[in-house]
Every structure is written in structure tokens, then in C-alpha cells.
Amino acid sequence: VDGIDLDFGCTTTSIEEAILNQNMIASAQKVIVLADSTKFNKKGFGKICDVTHIHHIITDANIDRELMNELKGRGIEITIVE
């Protein structure tokens, strides 16, 4: 993803990539997002999905703690990678 926004969801800069990701999500049992901390609170052009579709996020230690707690509160598992 190029952007993760709590209200708008996951986005990318490419409509084609967004459509491909939507199709993958539709057939997936679990949605895992890999995104560094700079991607949070940003929006790209092509919407992939709402945050409610995400089961797990893998990111770096620079994620805002308040944002991380909000995501966890929504039932999303967070893994911090150093």
C-alpha cells in the first residue's frame, strides 16, 4: 500500500494495482498489510479497501503509538519489525 488512513482505508497510486489488490482480498482468508510507518495517515489515488478488511499489519517501530493502539482496538494485529 502507498497509504493507510483510518477513515479512508488502504490506497495505492495506481488504479490497476488497487483493482488487483481488491481481487486478491476477495479470495483471501486473511489480509496482511506490509507498510512502513511513513505510509500511515496518507491517501493514494486508488482505494484498495477499508481498514475493516485488514487482519494484520507489519510495520516498523516508528509507527505512532496512538495510531497503533487505535488499530489494535479495531481488532487488527500489529507486528513491529526492527
N, C-alpha and C. Protein backbone atom coordinates (compact mmCIF):
# COMPACT_ATOMS: atom_id res chain seq x y z
N VAL A 1 0.84 -1.18 0.00
CA VAL A 1 0.00 0.00 0.00
C VAL A 1 0.88 1.23 0.00
N ASP A 2 0.32 2.31 -0.54
CA ASP A 2 1.01 3.59 -0.51
C ASP A 2 0.46 4.50 0.57
N GLY A 3 -0.71 4.15 1.10
CA GLY A 3 -1.31 4.95 2.15
C GLY A 3 -2.29 4.13 2.98
N ILE A 4 -2.30 4.41 4.28
CA ILE A 4 -3.28 3.82 5.19
C ILE A 4 -3.88 4.95 6.01
N ASP A 5 -5.16 5.15 5.86
CA ASP A 5 -5.88 6.19 6.58
C ASP A 5 -7.03 5.51 7.34
N LEU A 6 -7.18 5.81 8.62
CA LEU A 6 -8.20 5.14 9.42
C LEU A 6 -9.60 5.31 8.85
N ASP A 7 -9.90 6.47 8.31
CA ASP A 7 -11.23 6.72 7.78
C ASP A 7 -11.39 6.29 6.32
N PHE A 8 -10.36 6.51 5.51
CA PHE A 8 -10.46 6.23 4.08
C PHE A 8 -10.03 4.82 3.71
N GLY A 9 -9.10 4.24 4.47
CA GLY A 9 -8.66 2.87 4.21
C GLY A 9 -7.29 2.79 3.57
N CYS A 10 -7.04 1.68 2.90
CA CYS A 10 -5.77 1.42 2.23
C CYS A 10 -5.85 1.87 0.78
N THR A 11 -4.80 2.52 0.33
CA THR A 11 -4.78 3.05 -1.03
C THR A 11 -3.43 2.81 -1.69
N THR A 12 -3.43 3.02 -2.99
CA THR A 12 -2.21 2.95 -3.78
C THR A 12 -2.27 4.08 -4.82
N THR A 13 -1.17 4.31 -5.50
CA THR A 13 -1.14 5.36 -6.51
C THR A 13 -1.63 4.88 -7.87
N SER A 14 -1.88 3.58 -8.00
CA SER A 14 -2.26 3.00 -9.28
C SER A 14 -3.64 2.36 -9.20
N ILE A 15 -4.54 2.75 -10.08
CA ILE A 15 -5.88 2.15 -10.14
C ILE A 15 -5.77 0.66 -10.47
N GLU A 16 -4.89 0.30 -11.40
CA GLU A 16 -4.72 -1.10 -11.79
C GLU A 16 -4.27 -1.94 -10.60
N GLU A 17 -3.33 -1.42 -9.84
CA GLU A 17 -2.85 -2.14 -8.65
C GLU A 17 -3.96 -2.25 -7.60
N ALA A 18 -4.75 -1.20 -7.44
CA ALA A 18 -5.86 -1.23 -6.50
C ALA A 18 -6.85 -2.33 -6.86
N ILE A 19 -7.18 -2.44 -8.14
CA ILE A 19 -8.11 -3.47 -8.60
C ILE A 19 -7.53 -4.86 -8.38
N LEU A 20 -6.26 -5.05 -8.68
CA LEU A 20 -5.60 -6.33 -8.45
C LEU A 20 -5.65 -6.69 -6.96
N ASN A 21 -5.33 -5.73 -6.11
CA ASN A 21 -5.35 -5.98 -4.66
C ASN A 21 -6.76 -6.27 -4.16
N GLN A 22 -7.76 -5.60 -4.70
CA GLN A 22 -9.15 -5.87 -4.33
C GLN A 22 -9.53 -7.31 -4.66
N ASN A 23 -9.10 -7.78 -5.83
CA ASN A 23 -9.38 -9.16 -6.24
C ASN A 23 -8.66 -10.16 -5.34
N MET A 24 -7.43 -9.85 -4.95
CA MET A 24 -6.71 -10.75 -4.04
C MET A 24 -7.41 -10.80 -2.68
N ILE A 25 -7.84 -9.66 -2.18
CA ILE A 25 -8.54 -9.60 -0.89
C ILE A 25 -9.83 -10.41 -0.94
N ALA A 26 -10.53 -10.32 -2.06
CA ALA A 26 -11.81 -11.02 -2.20
C ALA A 26 -11.65 -12.54 -2.09
N SER A 27 -10.48 -13.06 -2.44
CA SER A 27 -10.28 -14.50 -2.38
C SER A 27 -9.39 -14.93 -1.21
N ALA A 28 -8.95 -13.98 -0.40
CA ALA A 28 -8.05 -14.30 0.71
C ALA A 28 -8.81 -14.68 1.97
N GLN A 29 -8.18 -15.52 2.77
CA GLN A 29 -8.72 -15.85 4.08
C GLN A 29 -8.27 -14.86 5.14
N LYS A 30 -7.13 -14.23 4.91
CA LYS A 30 -6.57 -13.28 5.87
C LYS A 30 -5.85 -12.19 5.08
N VAL A 31 -6.05 -10.94 5.49
CA VAL A 31 -5.42 -9.80 4.82
C VAL A 31 -4.31 -9.26 5.72
N ILE A 32 -3.08 -9.32 5.19
CA ILE A 32 -1.90 -8.82 5.90
C ILE A 32 -1.32 -7.69 5.08
N VAL A 33 -1.12 -6.55 5.73
CA VAL A 33 -0.57 -5.37 5.07
C VAL A 33 0.85 -5.15 5.58
N LEU A 34 1.77 -4.99 4.65
CA LEU A 34 3.16 -4.66 4.96
C LEU A 34 3.37 -3.21 4.55
N ALA A 35 3.62 -2.34 5.54
CA ALA A 35 3.78 -0.91 5.24
C ALA A 35 4.68 -0.27 6.28
N ASP A 36 5.65 0.51 5.83
CA ASP A 36 6.46 1.23 6.80
C ASP A 36 5.65 2.37 7.40
N SER A 37 6.14 2.91 8.49
CA SER A 37 5.38 3.91 9.26
C SER A 37 5.09 5.19 8.48
N THR A 38 5.82 5.47 7.42
CA THR A 38 5.57 6.69 6.64
C THR A 38 4.29 6.59 5.82
N LYS A 39 3.72 5.41 5.70
CA LYS A 39 2.51 5.21 4.89
C LYS A 39 1.22 5.55 5.65
N PHE A 40 1.30 5.66 6.97
CA PHE A 40 0.11 5.90 7.77
C PHE A 40 -0.32 7.36 7.69
N ASN A 41 -1.64 7.55 7.76
CA ASN A 41 -2.26 8.88 7.65
C ASN A 41 -2.00 9.52 6.29
N LYS A 42 -1.89 8.68 5.28
CA LYS A 42 -1.72 9.14 3.89
C LYS A 42 -2.78 8.49 3.03
N LYS A 43 -3.11 9.13 1.92
CA LYS A 43 -4.08 8.60 0.97
C LYS A 43 -3.47 8.59 -0.43
N GLY A 44 -3.64 7.48 -1.12
CA GLY A 44 -3.24 7.38 -2.51
C GLY A 44 -4.45 7.56 -3.39
N PHE A 45 -4.25 7.48 -4.69
CA PHE A 45 -5.30 7.72 -5.67
C PHE A 45 -6.31 6.58 -5.76
N GLY A 46 -5.82 5.33 -5.72
CA GLY A 46 -6.68 4.17 -5.90
C GLY A 46 -6.98 3.48 -4.59
N LYS A 47 -8.25 3.44 -4.23
CA LYS A 47 -8.64 2.78 -2.97
C LYS A 47 -8.62 1.27 -3.12
N ILE A 48 -7.98 0.61 -2.16
CA ILE A 48 -7.90 -0.85 -2.14
C ILE A 48 -9.02 -1.41 -1.27
N CYS A 49 -9.09 -0.96 -0.01
CA CYS A 49 -10.10 -1.48 0.91
C CYS A 49 -10.21 -0.59 2.13
N ASP A 50 -11.28 -0.80 2.88
CA ASP A 50 -11.42 -0.16 4.17
C ASP A 50 -10.51 -0.84 5.19
N VAL A 51 -10.19 -0.14 6.25
CA VAL A 51 -9.35 -0.70 7.31
C VAL A 51 -10.02 -1.93 7.94
N THR A 52 -11.33 -1.99 7.90
CA THR A 52 -12.06 -3.12 8.48
C THR A 52 -11.74 -4.45 7.80
N HIS A 53 -11.16 -4.43 6.62
CA HIS A 53 -10.79 -5.66 5.90
C HIS A 53 -9.43 -6.21 6.34
N ILE A 54 -8.67 -5.43 7.09
CA ILE A 54 -7.30 -5.80 7.47
C ILE A 54 -7.32 -6.65 8.75
N HIS A 55 -6.57 -7.74 8.73
CA HIS A 55 -6.42 -8.59 9.91
C HIS A 55 -5.10 -8.33 10.63
N HIS A 56 -4.08 -7.96 9.88
CA HIS A 56 -2.73 -7.88 10.45
C HIS A 56 -1.93 -6.83 9.68
N ILE A 57 -1.18 -6.01 10.41
CA ILE A 57 -0.27 -5.03 9.79
C ILE A 57 1.13 -5.30 10.30
N ILE A 58 2.09 -5.34 9.39
CA ILE A 58 3.50 -5.44 9.72
C ILE A 58 4.14 -4.10 9.37
N THR A 59 4.79 -3.48 10.34
CA THR A 59 5.38 -2.15 10.13
C THR A 59 6.63 -1.99 10.98
N ASP A 60 7.23 -0.81 10.92
CA ASP A 60 8.44 -0.53 11.69
C ASP A 60 8.12 0.17 13.01
N ALA A 61 9.12 0.32 13.84
CA ALA A 61 8.96 0.84 15.19
C ALA A 61 8.61 2.33 15.25
N ASN A 62 8.62 3.01 14.13
CA ASN A 62 8.31 4.44 14.14
C ASN A 62 6.82 4.74 14.02
N ILE A 63 5.98 3.72 14.02
CA ILE A 63 4.54 3.95 13.96
C ILE A 63 4.10 4.74 15.19
N ASP A 64 3.21 5.68 14.98
CA ASP A 64 2.66 6.47 16.07
C ASP A 64 1.94 5.54 17.05
N ARG A 65 2.26 5.62 18.32
CA ARG A 65 1.70 4.72 19.34
C ARG A 65 0.19 4.87 19.47
N GLU A 66 -0.30 6.09 19.39
CA GLU A 66 -1.74 6.32 19.48
C GLU A 66 -2.46 5.65 18.31
N LEU A 67 -1.90 5.79 17.12
CA LEU A 67 -2.47 5.16 15.94
C LEU A 67 -2.42 3.64 16.07
N MET A 68 -1.29 3.12 16.56
CA MET A 68 -1.16 1.68 16.74
C MET A 68 -2.23 1.17 17.71
N ASN A 69 -2.45 1.88 18.79
CA ASN A 69 -3.47 1.47 19.76
C ASN A 69 -4.87 1.53 19.16
N GLU A 70 -5.12 2.51 18.31
CA GLU A 70 -6.42 2.61 17.63
C GLU A 70 -6.63 1.41 16.71
N LEU A 71 -5.61 1.04 15.97
CA LEU A 71 -5.70 -0.12 15.08
C LEU A 71 -5.93 -1.40 15.88
N LYS A 72 -5.19 -1.56 16.97
CA LYS A 72 -5.37 -2.73 17.83
C LYS A 72 -6.78 -2.76 18.40
N GLY A 73 -7.30 -1.60 18.76
CA GLY A 73 -8.65 -1.51 19.28
C GLY A 73 -9.70 -1.92 18.26
N ARG A 74 -9.34 -1.84 17.00
CA ARG A 74 -10.24 -2.27 15.92
C ARG A 74 -10.04 -3.75 15.57
N GLY A 75 -9.24 -4.43 16.38
CA GLY A 75 -9.04 -5.87 16.19
C GLY A 75 -7.96 -6.24 15.21
N ILE A 76 -7.11 -5.28 14.85
CA ILE A 76 -6.03 -5.54 13.89
C ILE A 76 -4.75 -5.89 14.66
N GLU A 77 -4.17 -7.02 14.32
CA GLU A 77 -2.92 -7.42 14.93
C GLU A 77 -1.79 -6.59 14.33
N ILE A 78 -0.86 -6.14 15.17
CA ILE A 78 0.28 -5.32 14.71
C ILE A 78 1.58 -6.05 15.05
N THR A 79 2.45 -6.17 14.07
CA THR A 79 3.78 -6.70 14.29
C THR A 79 4.78 -5.60 13.96
N ILE A 80 5.66 -5.32 14.92
CA ILE A 80 6.70 -4.31 14.73
C ILE A 80 7.99 -5.03 14.37
N VAL A 81 8.60 -4.61 13.27
CA VAL A 81 9.85 -5.19 12.81
C VAL A 81 10.94 -4.14 12.94
N GLU A 82 12.04 -4.52 13.51
CA GLU A 82 13.16 -3.59 13.71
C GLU A 82 14.05 -3.56 12.48
